[in-house]
């Protein structure tokens, strides 16, 4: 499946790293990401021209993932409107991280061909599982005491 990554870029100095992490995550699950953060254009490109490129990429994609903070970015709003109009499967990073299904089956069944819905749900489940594992890794650490015993400690989430 092809997956378009949408998220805030303009006011996020770490956007390339965030998008790259999602690109790698999607690749690791055997899917094909489109990462718009790699596009390098000069100031002669206007917003509508860039959105046209995004729309063309979304046309080829099955799923659009909206990264945290998308709701504060006007470009993401335009991408959301387009994705909804094309009946794309839509995931939200914030929901995925909480283990929540991101769209109702009624919405998704509209444009889904046989088997597509099941593949999308399987991919979503894999993403949620991967995010949960990543979260666990971030919040646990191991240490060896003076007797050579290894201990695992869970850090409190802030």
C-alpha atoms as a PDB file:
ATOM      1  CA  UNK A   1       0.000   0.000   0.000  1.00  0.00           C
ATOM      2  CA  UNK A   2       1.103   3.549  -0.660  1.00  0.00           C
ATOM      3  CA  UNK A   3       0.981   5.984   2.241  1.00  0.00           C
ATOM      4  CA  UNK A   4       1.094   9.800   2.070  1.00  0.00           C
ATOM      5  CA  UNK A   5       2.576  11.523   5.137  1.00  0.00           C
ATOM      6  CA  UNK A   6       0.960  14.854   6.036  1.00  0.00           C
ATOM      7  CA  UNK A   7       2.102  17.094   8.860  1.00  0.00           C
ATOM      8  CA  UNK A   8       3.160  20.595   9.799  1.00  0.00           C
ATOM      9  CA  UNK A   9       6.408  21.739   8.210  1.00  0.00           C
ATOM     10  CA  UNK A  10       6.651  25.509   8.082  1.00  0.00           C
ATOM     11  CA  UNK A  11       6.867  26.197  11.830  1.00  0.00           C
ATOM     12  CA  UNK A  12       8.423  22.888  12.873  1.00  0.00           C
ATOM     13  CA  UNK A  13      12.242  22.948  12.746  1.00  0.00           C
ATOM     14  CA  UNK A  14      12.289  19.149  13.296  1.00  0.00           C
ATOM     15  CA  UNK A  15       9.794  18.309  10.565  1.00  0.00           C
ATOM     16  CA  UNK A  16      12.311  16.542   8.312  1.00  0.00           C
ATOM     17  CA  UNK A  17      13.329  14.220  11.145  1.00  0.00           C
ATOM     18  CA  UNK A  18       9.679  13.515  12.096  1.00  0.00           C
ATOM     19  CA  UNK A  19       8.728  12.779   8.495  1.00  0.00           C
ATOM     20  CA  UNK A  20      11.823  10.587   8.023  1.00  0.00           C
ATOM     21  CA  UNK A  21      10.922   8.571  11.144  1.00  0.00           C
ATOM     22  CA  UNK A  22       7.458   7.937   9.711  1.00  0.00           C
ATOM     23  CA  UNK A  23       8.918   7.117   6.302  1.00  0.00           C
ATOM     24  CA  UNK A  24      11.194   4.524   7.938  1.00  0.00           C
ATOM     25  CA  UNK A  25       8.355   3.152  10.080  1.00  0.00           C
ATOM     26  CA  UNK A  26       6.107   2.692   7.033  1.00  0.00           C
ATOM     27  CA  UNK A  27       8.943   1.102   5.022  1.00  0.00           C
ATOM     28  CA  UNK A  28       9.682  -1.305   7.875  1.00  0.00           C
ATOM     29  CA  UNK A  29       6.120  -2.611   7.583  1.00  0.00           C
ATOM     30  CA  UNK A  30       6.572  -3.334   3.885  1.00  0.00           C
ATOM     31  CA  UNK A  31       4.551  -0.375   2.640  1.00  0.00           C
ATOM     32  CA  UNK A  32       5.523   2.489   0.342  1.00  0.00           C
ATOM     33  CA  UNK A  33       5.574   5.997   1.877  1.00  0.00           C
ATOM     34  CA  UNK A  34       5.440   9.339   0.118  1.00  0.00           C
ATOM     35  CA  UNK A  35       7.376  11.842   2.198  1.00  0.00           C
ATOM     36  CA  UNK A  36       6.736  15.413   0.976  1.00  0.00           C
ATOM     37  CA  UNK A  37       9.346  16.797   3.385  1.00  0.00           C
ATOM     38  CA  UNK A  38      12.131  15.778   0.979  1.00  0.00           C
ATOM     39  CA  UNK A  39      10.890  18.195  -1.696  1.00  0.00           C
ATOM     40  CA  UNK A  40      13.301  21.099  -2.052  1.00  0.00           C
ATOM     41  CA  UNK A  41      11.853  24.097  -3.870  1.00  0.00           C
ATOM     42  CA  UNK A  42      12.762  27.758  -3.959  1.00  0.00           C
ATOM     43  CA  UNK A  43      10.465  30.681  -3.183  1.00  0.00           C
ATOM     44  CA  UNK A  44       9.174  30.855  -6.785  1.00  0.00           C
ATOM     45  CA  UNK A  45       6.834  27.932  -6.022  1.00  0.00           C
ATOM     46  CA  UNK A  46       3.545  29.133  -4.575  1.00  0.00           C
ATOM     47  CA  UNK A  47       1.309  27.284  -2.114  1.00  0.00           C
ATOM     48  CA  UNK A  48      -1.164  26.109  -4.778  1.00  0.00           C
ATOM     49  CA  UNK A  49       1.592  24.647  -6.945  1.00  0.00           C
ATOM     50  CA  UNK A  50       2.962  22.709  -3.977  1.00  0.00           C
ATOM     51  CA  UNK A  51      -0.524  21.502  -3.038  1.00  0.00           C
ATOM     52  CA  UNK A  52      -1.002  20.295  -6.612  1.00  0.00           C
ATOM     53  CA  UNK A  53       2.093  18.112  -6.204  1.00  0.00           C
ATOM     54  CA  UNK A  54       0.703  16.793  -2.908  1.00  0.00           C
ATOM     55  CA  UNK A  55      -2.676  16.071  -4.503  1.00  0.00           C
ATOM     56  CA  UNK A  56      -1.029  14.143  -7.347  1.00  0.00           C
ATOM     57  CA  UNK A  57       0.901  12.065  -4.817  1.00  0.00           C
ATOM     58  CA  UNK A  58      -2.229  11.479  -2.714  1.00  0.00           C
ATOM     59  CA  UNK A  59      -4.067  10.286  -5.832  1.00  0.00           C
ATOM     60  CA  UNK A  60      -1.564   7.427  -6.032  1.00  0.00           C
ATOM     61  CA  UNK A  61      -1.812   6.630  -2.298  1.00  0.00           C
ATOM     62  CA  UNK A  62      -4.261   4.442  -0.405  1.00  0.00           C
ATOM     63  CA  UNK A  63      -3.738   6.005   3.020  1.00  0.00           C
ATOM     64  CA  UNK A  64      -2.953   9.478   4.365  1.00  0.00           C
ATOM     65  CA  UNK A  65      -1.376   9.719   7.816  1.00  0.00           C
ATOM     66  CA  UNK A  66      -1.751  13.066   9.576  1.00  0.00           C
ATOM     67  CA  UNK A  67       1.077  13.676  12.040  1.00  0.00           C
ATOM     68  CA  UNK A  68       0.607  15.402  15.386  1.00  0.00           C
ATOM     69  CA  UNK A  69      -0.031  19.113  15.005  1.00  0.00           C
ATOM     70  CA  UNK A  70      -1.615  18.814  11.554  1.00  0.00           C
ATOM     71  CA  UNK A  71      -4.648  20.797  12.718  1.00  0.00           C
ATOM     72  CA  UNK A  72      -2.478  23.934  13.122  1.00  0.00           C
ATOM     73  CA  UNK A  73      -1.160  23.837   9.534  1.00  0.00           C
ATOM     74  CA  UNK A  74      -3.207  25.300   6.697  1.00  0.00           C
ATOM     75  CA  UNK A  75      -1.543  23.021   4.128  1.00  0.00           C
ATOM     76  CA  UNK A  76      -2.625  19.992   6.140  1.00  0.00           C
ATOM     77  CA  UNK A  77      -6.199  21.289   6.196  1.00  0.00           C
ATOM     78  CA  UNK A  78      -6.146  21.452   2.402  1.00  0.00           C
ATOM     79  CA  UNK A  79      -4.713  17.926   2.270  1.00  0.00           C
ATOM     80  CA  UNK A  80      -7.401  16.676   4.674  1.00  0.00           C
ATOM     81  CA  UNK A  81     -10.166  18.206   2.563  1.00  0.00           C
ATOM     82  CA  UNK A  82      -8.712  16.576  -0.554  1.00  0.00           C
ATOM     83  CA  UNK A  83      -8.219  13.188   1.130  1.00  0.00           C
ATOM     84  CA  UNK A  84     -11.814  13.183   2.370  1.00  0.00           C
ATOM     85  CA  UNK A  85     -13.093  14.165  -1.072  1.00  0.00           C
ATOM     86  CA  UNK A  86     -11.192  11.235  -2.615  1.00  0.00           C
ATOM     87  CA  UNK A  87     -12.361   8.758   0.067  1.00  0.00           C
ATOM     88  CA  UNK A  88      -8.806   8.013   1.200  1.00  0.00           C
ATOM     89  CA  UNK A  89      -8.184   5.995   4.326  1.00  0.00           C
ATOM     90  CA  UNK A  90      -7.131   8.477   6.997  1.00  0.00           C
ATOM     91  CA  UNK A  91      -4.982   7.781  10.053  1.00  0.00           C
ATOM     92  CA  UNK A  92      -4.029  10.219  12.800  1.00  0.00           C
ATOM     93  CA  UNK A  93      -0.707   9.841  14.609  1.00  0.00           C
ATOM     94  CA  UNK A  94      -2.234  10.910  17.923  1.00  0.00           C
ATOM     95  CA  UNK A  95      -4.897   8.188  17.708  1.00  0.00           C
ATOM     96  CA  UNK A  96      -2.440   5.523  16.566  1.00  0.00           C
ATOM     97  CA  UNK A  97      -0.161   6.257  19.535  1.00  0.00           C
ATOM     98  CA  UNK A  98      -3.133   5.714  21.869  1.00  0.00           C
ATOM     99  CA  UNK A  99      -4.078   2.462  20.146  1.00  0.00           C
ATOM    100  CA  UNK A 100      -7.304   3.906  18.764  1.00  0.00           C
ATOM    101  CA  UNK A 101      -8.798   3.137  15.370  1.00  0.00           C
ATOM    102  CA  UNK A 102      -8.698   6.384  13.461  1.00  0.00           C
ATOM    103  CA  UNK A 103     -11.758   6.283  11.208  1.00  0.00           C
ATOM    104  CA  UNK A 104     -15.113   4.566  11.294  1.00  0.00           C
ATOM    105  CA  UNK A 105     -15.697   1.549   9.055  1.00  0.00           C
ATOM    106  CA  UNK A 106     -18.704   3.304   7.505  1.00  0.00           C
ATOM    107  CA  UNK A 107     -16.462   6.056   6.136  1.00  0.00           C
ATOM    108  CA  UNK A 108     -13.790   3.664   4.961  1.00  0.00           C
ATOM    109  CA  UNK A 109     -16.038   1.220   3.160  1.00  0.00           C
ATOM    110  CA  UNK A 110     -17.115   3.876   0.631  1.00  0.00           C
ATOM    111  CA  UNK A 111     -14.007   3.725  -1.547  1.00  0.00           C
ATOM    112  CA  UNK A 112     -12.654   0.355  -0.486  1.00  0.00           C
ATOM    113  CA  UNK A 113     -12.347  -2.491  -2.938  1.00  0.00           C
ATOM    114  CA  UNK A 114     -12.518  -6.125  -1.845  1.00  0.00           C
ATOM    115  CA  UNK A 115      -9.717  -6.889   0.552  1.00  0.00           C
ATOM    116  CA  UNK A 116      -8.470  -3.316   0.752  1.00  0.00           C
ATOM    117  CA  UNK A 117     -10.279  -2.554   3.990  1.00  0.00           C
ATOM    118  CA  UNK A 118      -8.787  -5.636   5.663  1.00  0.00           C
ATOM    119  CA  UNK A 119      -5.256  -4.770   4.462  1.00  0.00           C
ATOM    120  CA  UNK A 120      -5.653  -1.202   5.716  1.00  0.00           C
ATOM    121  CA  UNK A 121      -6.841  -2.397   9.136  1.00  0.00           C
ATOM    122  CA  UNK A 122      -3.974  -4.901   9.321  1.00  0.00           C
ATOM    123  CA  UNK A 123      -1.478  -2.133   8.493  1.00  0.00           C
ATOM    124  CA  UNK A 124      -3.086   0.111  11.115  1.00  0.00           C
ATOM    125  CA  UNK A 125      -2.822  -2.652  13.724  1.00  0.00           C
ATOM    126  CA  UNK A 126       0.861  -3.166  12.843  1.00  0.00           C
ATOM    127  CA  UNK A 127       1.528   0.568  13.153  1.00  0.00           C
ATOM    128  CA  UNK A 128      -0.138   0.709  16.572  1.00  0.00           C
ATOM    129  CA  UNK A 129       1.850  -2.327  17.741  1.00  0.00           C
ATOM    130  CA  UNK A 130       5.104  -0.794  16.497  1.00  0.00           C
ATOM    131  CA  UNK A 131       4.361   2.551  18.182  1.00  0.00           C
ATOM    132  CA  UNK A 132       3.556   0.772  21.442  1.00  0.00           C
ATOM    133  CA  UNK A 133       6.891  -1.085  21.289  1.00  0.00           C
ATOM    134  CA  UNK A 134       8.742   2.162  20.564  1.00  0.00           C
ATOM    135  CA  UNK A 135       7.034   3.821  23.512  1.00  0.00           C
ATOM    136  CA  UNK A 136       7.980   0.935  25.792  1.00  0.00           C
ATOM    137  CA  UNK A 137      11.614   1.142  24.658  1.00  0.00           C
ATOM    138  CA  UNK A 138      11.687   4.877  25.399  1.00  0.00           C
ATOM    139  CA  UNK A 139      10.268   4.409  28.867  1.00  0.00           C
ATOM    140  CA  UNK A 140      12.333   1.473  30.080  1.00  0.00           C
ATOM    141  CA  UNK A 141      15.979   1.129  30.838  1.00  0.00           C
ATOM    142  CA  UNK A 142      18.214  -1.641  32.058  1.00  0.00           C
ATOM    143  CA  UNK A 143      21.129  -1.558  34.439  1.00  0.00           C
ATOM    144  CA  UNK A 144      23.427  -4.108  36.000  1.00  0.00           C
ATOM    145  CA  UNK A 145      24.010  -3.926  39.740  1.00  0.00           C
ATOM    146  CA  UNK A 146      27.247  -4.646  41.591  1.00  0.00           C
ATOM    147  CA  UNK A 147      26.307  -8.346  41.817  1.00  0.00           C
ATOM    148  CA  UNK A 148      25.977  -8.732  38.041  1.00  0.00           C
ATOM    149  CA  UNK A 149      22.181  -8.861  38.051  1.00  0.00           C
ATOM    150  CA  UNK A 150      20.380  -7.037  35.247  1.00  0.00           C
ATOM    151  CA  UNK A 151      17.358  -4.967  36.253  1.00  0.00           C
ATOM    152  CA  UNK A 152      14.710  -3.380  34.089  1.00  0.00           C
ATOM    153  CA  UNK A 153      13.231  -0.148  35.312  1.00  0.00           C
ATOM    154  CA  UNK A 154      10.230   1.594  33.852  1.00  0.00           C
ATOM    155  CA  UNK A 155      10.476   5.360  33.702  1.00  0.00           C
ATOM    156  CA  UNK A 156       7.407   7.469  34.331  1.00  0.00           C
ATOM    157  CA  UNK A 157       5.973   9.094  31.217  1.00  0.00           C
ATOM    158  CA  UNK A 158       5.983  12.877  31.369  1.00  0.00           C
END
